[in-house]
PDB file of all heavy atoms in Angstrom:
ATOM      1  N   ASN A   1       0.832  -1.210   0.000  1.00  0.00           N
ATOM      2  CA  ASN A   1       0.000   0.000   0.000  1.00  0.00           C
ATOM      3  C   ASN A   1       0.865   1.258   0.000  1.00  0.00           C
ATOM      4  O   ASN A   1       0.536   2.254   0.632  1.00  0.00           O
ATOM      5  CB  ASN A   1      -0.944   0.022   1.199  1.00  0.00           C
ATOM      6  CG  ASN A   1      -1.964  -1.097   1.160  1.00  0.00           C
ATOM      7  OD1 ASN A   1      -2.395  -1.488   0.079  1.00  0.00           O
ATOM      8  ND2 ASN A   1      -2.348  -1.603   2.314  1.00  0.00           N
ATOM      9  N   GLY A   2       1.990   1.175  -0.714  1.00  0.00           N
ATOM     10  CA  GLY A   2       2.870   2.330  -0.819  1.00  0.00           C
ATOM     11  C   GLY A   2       3.741   2.569   0.392  1.00  0.00           C
ATOM     12  O   GLY A   2       4.419   3.592   0.461  1.00  0.00           O
ATOM     13  N   TRP A   3       3.783   1.638   1.335  1.00  0.00           N
ATOM     14  CA  TRP A   3       4.509   1.853   2.590  1.00  0.00           C
ATOM     15  C   TRP A   3       5.796   1.043   2.595  1.00  0.00           C
ATOM     16  O   TRP A   3       5.807  -0.142   2.292  1.00  0.00           O
ATOM     17  CB  TRP A   3       3.622   1.459   3.772  1.00  0.00           C
ATOM     18  CG  TRP A   3       4.270   1.569   5.110  1.00  0.00           C
ATOM     19  CD1 TRP A   3       4.578   0.550   5.962  1.00  0.00           C
ATOM     20  CD2 TRP A   3       4.712   2.763   5.765  1.00  0.00           C
ATOM     21  NE1 TRP A   3       5.174   1.021   7.101  1.00  0.00           N
ATOM     22  CE2 TRP A   3       5.265   2.383   7.011  1.00  0.00           C
ATOM     23  CE3 TRP A   3       4.688   4.114   5.413  1.00  0.00           C
ATOM     24  CZ2 TRP A   3       5.788   3.310   7.901  1.00  0.00           C
ATOM     25  CZ3 TRP A   3       5.206   5.029   6.313  1.00  0.00           C
ATOM     26  CH2 TRP A   3       5.739   4.629   7.529  1.00  0.00           C
ATOM     27  N   TYR A   4       6.908   1.698   2.971  1.00  0.00           N
ATOM     28  CA  TYR A   4       8.220   1.053   2.962  1.00  0.00           C
ATOM     29  C   TYR A   4       8.729   0.722   4.362  1.00  0.00           C
ATOM     30  O   TYR A   4       9.805   0.199   4.530  1.00  0.00           O
ATOM     31  CB  TYR A   4       9.256   1.965   2.294  1.00  0.00           C
ATOM     32  CG  TYR A   4       9.067   2.137   0.811  1.00  0.00           C
ATOM     33  CD1 TYR A   4       8.285   3.171   0.312  1.00  0.00           C
ATOM     34  CD2 TYR A   4       9.668   1.282  -0.093  1.00  0.00           C
ATOM     35  CE1 TYR A   4       8.106   3.339  -1.052  1.00  0.00           C
ATOM     36  CE2 TYR A   4       9.503   1.431  -1.458  1.00  0.00           C
ATOM     37  CZ  TYR A   4       8.725   2.467  -1.931  1.00  0.00           C
ATOM     38  OH  TYR A   4       8.551   2.628  -3.281  1.00  0.00           O
ATOM     39  N   GLY A   5       7.996   1.070   5.396  1.00  0.00           N
ATOM     40  CA  GLY A   5       8.549   0.972   6.746  1.00  0.00           C
ATOM     41  C   GLY A   5       8.346  -0.370   7.412  1.00  0.00           C
ATOM     42  O   GLY A   5       7.543  -1.204   6.985  1.00  0.00           O
ATOM     43  N   GLY A   6       9.107  -0.625   8.512  1.00  0.00           N
ATOM     44  CA  GLY A   6       8.915  -1.773   9.381  1.00  0.00           C
ATOM     45  C   GLY A   6       9.052  -3.115   8.716  1.00  0.00           C
ATOM     46  O   GLY A   6       8.311  -4.049   9.020  1.00  0.00           O
ATOM     47  N   ASN A   7      10.009  -3.264   7.773  1.00  0.00           N
ATOM     48  CA  ASN A   7      10.057  -4.491   6.989  1.00  0.00           C
ATOM     49  C   ASN A   7      11.339  -5.291   7.164  1.00  0.00           C
ATOM     50  O   ASN A   7      11.702  -6.087   6.317  1.00  0.00           O
ATOM     51  CB  ASN A   7       9.855  -4.175   5.502  1.00  0.00           C
ATOM     52  CG  ASN A   7      10.794  -3.082   5.020  1.00  0.00           C
ATOM     53  OD1 ASN A   7      11.802  -2.786   5.659  1.00  0.00           O
ATOM     54  ND2 ASN A   7      10.471  -2.483   3.891  1.00  0.00           N
ATOM     55  N   GLY A   8      12.039  -5.080   8.242  1.00  0.00           N
ATOM     56  CA  GLY A   8      13.259  -5.843   8.468  1.00  0.00           C
ATOM     57  C   GLY A   8      14.472  -5.300   7.746  1.00  0.00           C
ATOM     58  O   GLY A   8      15.493  -5.975   7.634  1.00  0.00           O
ATOM     59  N   LEU A   9      14.377  -4.065   7.260  1.00  0.00           N
ATOM     60  CA  LEU A   9      15.502  -3.416   6.585  1.00  0.00           C
ATOM     61  C   LEU A   9      15.814  -2.128   7.324  1.00  0.00           C
ATOM     62  O   LEU A   9      14.955  -1.281   7.511  1.00  0.00           O
ATOM     63  CB  LEU A   9      15.159  -3.115   5.124  1.00  0.00           C
ATOM     64  CG  LEU A   9      14.724  -4.321   4.277  1.00  0.00           C
ATOM     65  CD1 LEU A   9      14.285  -3.865   2.895  1.00  0.00           C
ATOM     66  CD2 LEU A   9      15.851  -5.332   4.164  1.00  0.00           C
ATOM     67  N   GLY A  10      17.063  -1.974   7.735  1.00  0.00           N
ATOM     68  CA  GLY A  10      17.449  -0.771   8.461  1.00  0.00           C
ATOM     69  C   GLY A  10      17.496  -1.009   9.955  1.00  0.00           C
ATOM     70  O   GLY A  10      17.950  -2.036  10.420  1.00  0.00           O
ATOM     71  N   ALA A  11      17.060  -0.078  10.737  1.00  0.00           N
ATOM     72  CA  ALA A  11      16.930  -0.120  12.201  1.00  0.00           C
ATOM     73  C   ALA A  11      17.719   0.998  12.852  1.00  0.00           C
ATOM     74  O   ALA A  11      17.179   1.751  13.651  1.00  0.00           O
ATOM     75  CB  ALA A  11      17.300  -1.454  12.815  1.00  0.00           C
ATOM     76  N   GLY A  12      19.028   1.131  12.546  1.00  0.00           N
ATOM     77  CA  GLY A  12      19.812   2.228  13.087  1.00  0.00           C
ATOM     78  C   GLY A  12      19.932   2.202  14.596  1.00  0.00           C
ATOM     79  O   GLY A  12      19.745   3.220  15.249  1.00  0.00           O
ATOM     80  N   VAL A  13      20.260   1.047  15.167  1.00  0.00           N
ATOM     81  CA  VAL A  13      20.358   0.900  16.613  1.00  0.00           C
ATOM     82  C   VAL A  13      21.713   1.403  17.110  1.00  0.00           C
ATOM     83  O   VAL A  13      22.767   1.092  16.538  1.00  0.00           O
ATOM     84  CB  VAL A  13      20.153  -0.572  17.014  1.00  0.00           C
ATOM     85  CG1 VAL A  13      20.384  -0.761  18.504  1.00  0.00           C
ATOM     86  CG2 VAL A  13      18.762  -1.028  16.609  1.00  0.00           C
ATOM     87  N   GLN A  14      21.703   2.167  18.193  1.00  0.00           N
ATOM     88  CA  GLN A  14      22.942   2.652  18.792  1.00  0.00           C
ATOM     89  C   GLN A  14      23.705   1.491  19.418  1.00  0.00           C
ATOM     90  O   GLN A  14      23.120   0.662  20.128  1.00  0.00           O
ATOM     91  CB  GLN A  14      22.633   3.690  19.866  1.00  0.00           C
ATOM     92  CG  GLN A  14      22.037   4.984  19.336  1.00  0.00           C
ATOM     93  CD  GLN A  14      23.098   5.930  18.794  1.00  0.00           C
ATOM     94  OE1 GLN A  14      24.249   5.855  19.169  1.00  0.00           O
ATOM     95  NE2 GLN A  14      22.693   6.814  17.907  1.00  0.00           N
ATOM     96  N   VAL A  15      25.011   1.435  19.152  1.00  0.00           N
ATOM     97  CA  VAL A  15      25.872   0.412  19.746  1.00  0.00           C
ATOM     98  C   VAL A  15      27.101   1.093  20.335  1.00  0.00           C
ATOM     99  O   VAL A  15      27.337   2.290  20.130  1.00  0.00           O
ATOM    100  CB  VAL A  15      26.293  -0.648  18.705  1.00  0.00           C
ATOM    101  CG1 VAL A  15      25.076  -1.368  18.149  1.00  0.00           C
ATOM    102  CG2 VAL A  15      27.088  -0.011  17.568  1.00  0.00           C
ATOM    103  N   ALA A  16      27.907   0.318  21.063  1.00  0.00           N
ATOM    104  CA  ALA A  16      29.098   0.858  21.701  1.00  0.00           C
ATOM    105  C   ALA A  16      30.060   1.413  20.659  1.00  0.00           C
ATOM    106  O   ALA A  16      30.201   0.867  19.561  1.00  0.00           O
ATOM    107  CB  ALA A  16      29.792  -0.224  22.528  1.00  0.00           C
ATOM    108  N   VAL A  17      30.741   2.506  21.004  1.00  0.00           N
ATOM    109  CA  VAL A  17      31.685   3.119  20.071  1.00  0.00           C
ATOM    110  C   VAL A  17      32.997   2.349  20.011  1.00  0.00           C
ATOM    111  O   VAL A  17      33.795   2.541  19.095  1.00  0.00           O
ATOM    112  CB  VAL A  17      31.957   4.596  20.425  1.00  0.00           C
ATOM    113  CG1 VAL A  17      30.692   5.413  20.281  1.00  0.00           C
ATOM    114  CG2 VAL A  17      32.534   4.723  21.822  1.00  0.00           C
ATOM    115  N   SER A  18      33.253   1.478  20.979  1.00  0.00           N
ATOM    116  CA  SER A  18      34.464   0.655  20.969  1.00  0.00           C
ATOM    117  C   SER A  18      34.220  -0.604  20.151  1.00  0.00           C
ATOM    118  O   SER A  18      33.091  -0.930  19.781  1.00  0.00           O
ATOM    119  CB  SER A  18      34.859   0.271  22.391  1.00  0.00           C
ATOM    120  OG  SER A  18      33.927  -0.655  22.920  1.00  0.00           O
ATOM    121  N   ASN A  19      35.308  -1.336  19.873  1.00  0.00           N
ATOM    122  CA  ASN A  19      35.202  -2.589  19.136  1.00  0.00           C
ATOM    123  C   ASN A  19      35.231  -3.798  20.072  1.00  0.00           C
ATOM    124  O   ASN A  19      35.717  -4.868  19.710  1.00  0.00           O
ATOM    125  CB  ASN A  19      36.339  -2.698  18.108  1.00  0.00           C
ATOM    126  CG  ASN A  19      36.105  -1.798  16.908  1.00  0.00           C
ATOM    127  OD1 ASN A  19      34.997  -1.703  16.403  1.00  0.00           O
ATOM    128  ND2 ASN A  19      37.154  -1.112  16.472  1.00  0.00           N
ATOM    129  N   ASP A  20      34.700  -3.630  21.268  1.00  0.00           N
ATOM    130  CA  ASP A  20      34.619  -4.755  22.189  1.00  0.00           C
ATOM    131  C   ASP A  20      33.794  -5.872  21.539  1.00  0.00           C
ATOM    132  O   ASP A  20      32.606  -5.680  21.252  1.00  0.00           O
ATOM    133  CB  ASP A  20      33.964  -4.319  23.495  1.00  0.00           C
ATOM    134  CG  ASP A  20      33.803  -5.477  24.455  1.00  0.00           C
ATOM    135  OD1 ASP A  20      34.820  -5.893  25.037  1.00  0.00           O
ATOM    136  OD2 ASP A  20      32.662  -5.971  24.605  1.00  0.00           O
ATOM    137  N   PRO A  21      34.389  -7.046  21.297  1.00  0.00           N
ATOM    138  CA  PRO A  21      33.694  -8.103  20.541  1.00  0.00           C
ATOM    139  C   PRO A  21      32.394  -8.551  21.193  1.00  0.00           C
ATOM    140  O   PRO A  21      31.391  -8.758  20.502  1.00  0.00           O
ATOM    141  CB  PRO A  21      34.722  -9.233  20.489  1.00  0.00           C
ATOM    142  CG  PRO A  21      36.050  -8.573  20.680  1.00  0.00           C
ATOM    143  CD  PRO A  21      35.781  -7.435  21.609  1.00  0.00           C
ATOM    144  N   LEU A  22      32.394  -8.727  22.507  1.00  0.00           N
ATOM    145  CA  LEU A  22      31.195  -9.226  23.165  1.00  0.00           C
ATOM    146  C   LEU A  22      30.059  -8.206  23.112  1.00  0.00           C
ATOM    147  O   LEU A  22      28.905  -8.552  22.835  1.00  0.00           O
ATOM    148  CB  LEU A  22      31.503  -9.591  24.616  1.00  0.00           C
ATOM    149  CG  LEU A  22      30.320 -10.141  25.425  1.00  0.00           C
ATOM    150  CD1 LEU A  22      29.759 -11.391  24.748  1.00  0.00           C
ATOM    151  CD2 LEU A  22      30.739 -10.434  26.857  1.00  0.00           C
ATOM    152  N   SER A  23      30.364  -6.939  23.368  1.00  0.00           N
ATOM    153  CA  SER A  23      29.343  -5.897  23.332  1.00  0.00           C
ATOM    154  C   SER A  23      28.733  -5.786  21.946  1.00  0.00           C
ATOM    155  O   SER A  23      27.508  -5.699  21.790  1.00  0.00           O
ATOM    156  CB  SER A  23      29.944  -4.562  23.765  1.00  0.00           C
ATOM    157  OG  SER A  23      29.006  -3.514  23.618  1.00  0.00           O
ATOM    158  N   LEU A  24      29.579  -5.793  20.919  1.00  0.00           N
ATOM    159  CA  LEU A  24      29.083  -5.673  19.553  1.00  0.00           C
ATOM    160  C   LEU A  24      28.286  -6.909  19.147  1.00  0.00           C
ATOM    161  O   LEU A  24      27.225  -6.810  18.521  1.00  0.00           O
ATOM    162  CB  LEU A  24      30.255  -5.445  18.594  1.00  0.00           C
ATOM    163  CG  LEU A  24      29.922  -5.159  17.130  1.00  0.00           C
ATOM    164  CD1 LEU A  24      28.937  -4.004  17.004  1.00  0.00           C
ATOM    165  CD2 LEU A  24      31.205  -4.863  16.353  1.00  0.00           C
ATOM    166  N   ALA A  25      28.769  -8.084  19.536  1.00  0.00           N
ATOM    167  CA  ALA A  25      28.056  -9.322  19.207  1.00  0.00           C
ATOM    168  C   ALA A  25      26.686  -9.361  19.875  1.00  0.00           C
ATOM    169  O   ALA A  25      25.702  -9.826  19.278  1.00  0.00           O
ATOM    170  CB  ALA A  25      28.886 -10.538  19.625  1.00  0.00           C
ATOM    171  N   GLN A  26      26.598  -8.876  21.109  1.00  0.00           N
ATOM    172  CA  GLN A  26      25.320  -8.850  21.813  1.00  0.00           C
ATOM    173  C   GLN A  26      24.321  -7.961  21.069  1.00  0.00           C
ATOM    174  O   GLN A  26      23.157  -8.333  20.883  1.00  0.00           O
ATOM    175  CB  GLN A  26      25.530  -8.315  23.232  1.00  0.00           C
ATOM    176  CG  GLN A  26      24.282  -8.207  24.072  1.00  0.00           C
ATOM    177  CD  GLN A  26      23.880  -9.521  24.730  1.00  0.00           C
ATOM    178  OE1 GLN A  26      24.625 -10.505  24.622  1.00  0.00           O
ATOM    179  NE2 GLN A  26      22.724  -9.541  25.386  1.00  0.00           N
ATOM    180  N   ALA A  27      24.762  -6.780  20.637  1.00  0.00           N
ATOM    181  CA  ALA A  27      23.877  -5.879  19.896  1.00  0.00           C
ATOM    182  C   ALA A  27      23.448  -6.499  18.574  1.00  0.00           C
ATOM    183  O   ALA A  27      22.268  -6.429  18.188  1.00  0.00           O
ATOM    184  CB  ALA A  27      24.581  -4.544  19.666  1.00  0.00           C
ATOM    185  N   ILE A  28      24.382  -7.127  17.874  1.00  0.00           N
ATOM    186  CA  ILE A  28      24.061  -7.763  16.596  1.00  0.00           C
ATOM    187  C   ILE A  28      23.016  -8.854  16.791  1.00  0.00           C
ATOM    188  O   ILE A  28      22.054  -8.970  16.013  1.00  0.00           O
ATOM    189  CB  ILE A  28      25.337  -8.339  15.952  1.00  0.00           C
ATOM    190  CG1 ILE A  28      26.269  -7.197  15.505  1.00  0.00           C
ATOM    191  CG2 ILE A  28      24.992  -9.237  14.769  1.00  0.00           C
ATOM    192  CD1 ILE A  28      27.637  -7.666  15.053  1.00  0.00           C
ATOM    193  N   TRP A  29      23.187  -9.658  17.829  1.00  0.00           N
ATOM    194  CA  TRP A  29      22.262 -10.757  18.110  1.00  0.00           C
ATOM    195  C   TRP A  29      20.843 -10.237  18.311  1.00  0.00           C
ATOM    196  O   TRP A  29      19.888 -10.722  17.701  1.00  0.00           O
ATOM    197  CB  TRP A  29      22.755 -11.511  19.343  1.00  0.00           C
ATOM    198  CG  TRP A  29      21.751 -12.461  19.939  1.00  0.00           C
ATOM    199  CD1 TRP A  29      21.061 -13.446  19.294  1.00  0.00           C
ATOM    200  CD2 TRP A  29      21.322 -12.494  21.300  1.00  0.00           C
ATOM    201  NE1 TRP A  29      20.227 -14.100  20.164  1.00  0.00           N
ATOM    202  CE2 TRP A  29      20.374 -13.545  21.405  1.00  0.00           C
ATOM    203  CE3 TRP A  29      21.664 -11.758  22.439  1.00  0.00           C
ATOM    204  CZ2 TRP A  29      19.753 -13.848  22.615  1.00  0.00           C
ATOM    205  CZ3 TRP A  29      21.055 -12.083  23.634  1.00  0.00           C
ATOM    206  CH2 TRP A  29      20.100 -13.103  23.719  1.00  0.00           C
ATOM    207  N   MET A  30      20.683  -9.230  19.156  1.00  0.00           N
ATOM    208  CA  MET A  30      19.357  -8.726  19.469  1.00  0.00           C
ATOM    209  C   MET A  30      18.693  -8.056  18.270  1.00  0.00           C
ATOM    210  O   MET A  30      17.504  -8.253  17.997  1.00  0.00           O
ATOM    211  CB  MET A  30      19.432  -7.744  20.638  1.00  0.00           C
ATOM    212  CG  MET A  30      19.872  -8.371  21.953  1.00  0.00           C
ATOM    213  SD  MET A  30      18.729  -9.657  22.503  1.00  0.00           S
ATOM    214  CE  MET A  30      17.263  -8.701  22.839  1.00  0.00           C
ATOM    215  N   VAL A  31      19.455  -7.262  17.537  1.00  0.00           N
ATOM    216  CA  VAL A  31      18.875  -6.559  16.386  1.00  0.00           C
ATOM    217  C   VAL A  31      18.546  -7.545  15.271  1.00  0.00           C
ATOM    218  O   VAL A  31      17.513  -7.423  14.593  1.00  0.00           O
ATOM    219  CB  VAL A  31      19.828  -5.457  15.879  1.00  0.00           C
ATOM    220  CG1 VAL A  31      19.205  -4.731  14.689  1.00  0.00           C
ATOM    221  CG2 VAL A  31      20.145  -4.468  16.976  1.00  0.00           C
ATOM    222  N   THR A  32      19.396  -8.538  15.045  1.00  0.00           N
ATOM    223  CA  THR A  32      19.130  -9.532  14.010  1.00  0.00           C
ATOM    224  C   THR A  32      17.836 -10.283  14.289  1.00  0.00           C
ATOM    225  O   THR A  32      17.017 -10.503  13.390  1.00  0.00           O
ATOM    226  CB  THR A  32      20.302 -10.520  13.896  1.00  0.00           C
ATOM    227  OG1 THR A  32      21.509  -9.812  13.610  1.00  0.00           O
ATOM    228  CG2 THR A  32      20.045 -11.530  12.785  1.00  0.00           C
ATOM    229  N   GLU A  33      17.642 -10.696  15.538  1.00  0.00           N
ATOM    230  CA  GLU A  33      16.411 -11.394  15.908  1.00  0.00           C
ATOM    231  C   GLU A  33      15.192 -10.523  15.626  1.00  0.00           C
ATOM    232  O   GLU A  33      14.204 -10.975  15.029  1.00  0.00           O
ATOM    233  CB  GLU A  33      16.453 -11.768  17.392  1.00  0.00           C
ATOM    234  CG  GLU A  33      15.190 -12.405  17.935  1.00  0.00           C
ATOM    235  CD  GLU A  33      14.990 -13.819  17.427  1.00  0.00           C
ATOM    236  OE1 GLU A  33      15.984 -14.452  17.008  1.00  0.00           O
ATOM    237  OE2 GLU A  33      13.834 -14.292  17.418  1.00  0.00           O
ATOM    238  N   SER A  34      15.236  -9.276  16.043  1.00  0.00           N
ATOM    239  CA  SER A  34      14.117  -8.367  15.842  1.00  0.00           C
ATOM    240  C   SER A  34      13.845  -8.138  14.354  1.00  0.00           C
ATOM    241  O   SER A  34      12.692  -8.158  13.909  1.00  0.00           O
ATOM    242  CB  SER A  34      14.396  -7.038  16.544  1.00  0.00           C
ATOM    243  OG  SER A  34      13.427  -6.074  16.229  1.00  0.00           O
ATOM    244  N   GLN A  35      14.902  -7.924  13.586  1.00  0.00           N
ATOM    245  CA  GLN A  35      14.728  -7.645  12.166  1.00  0.00           C
ATOM    246  C   GLN A  35      14.218  -8.853  11.401  1.00  0.00           C
ATOM    247  O   GLN A  35      13.452  -8.712  10.443  1.00  0.00           O
ATOM    248  CB  GLN A  35      16.043  -7.140  11.559  1.00  0.00           C
ATOM    249  CG  GLN A  35      16.450  -5.750  12.016  1.00  0.00           C
ATOM    250  CD  GLN A  35      15.473  -4.682  11.554  1.00  0.00           C
ATOM    251  OE1 GLN A  35      14.452  -4.456  12.200  1.00  0.00           O
ATOM    252  NE2 GLN A  35      15.769  -4.041  10.444  1.00  0.00           N
ATOM    253  N   TYR A  36      14.635 -10.047  11.794  1.00  0.00           N
ATOM    254  CA  TYR A  36      14.110 -11.248  11.132  1.00  0.00           C
ATOM    255  C   TYR A  36      12.609 -11.369  11.360  1.00  0.00           C
ATOM    256  O   TYR A  36      11.841 -11.677  10.433  1.00  0.00           O
ATOM    257  CB  TYR A  36      14.833 -12.491  11.629  1.00  0.00           C
ATOM    258  CG  TYR A  36      14.193 -13.772  11.134  1.00  0.00           C
ATOM    259  CD1 TYR A  36      14.310 -14.158   9.796  1.00  0.00           C
ATOM    260  CD2 TYR A  36      13.428 -14.567  11.986  1.00  0.00           C
ATOM    261  CE1 TYR A  36      13.696 -15.311   9.319  1.00  0.00           C
ATOM    262  CE2 TYR A  36      12.809 -15.718  11.527  1.00  0.00           C
ATOM    263  CZ  TYR A  36      12.947 -16.075  10.193  1.00  0.00           C
ATOM    264  OH  TYR A  36      12.325 -17.211   9.719  1.00  0.00           O
TER     265      TYR A  36
END
């Protein structure tokens, strides 16, 4: 119906500015689940 939103593309979630592997992996896990 002409709407592009809420379809598992994008999100733009704030994550830690450091490259701490565990912190980044945790954010990826949660956002991936939600987007799927």
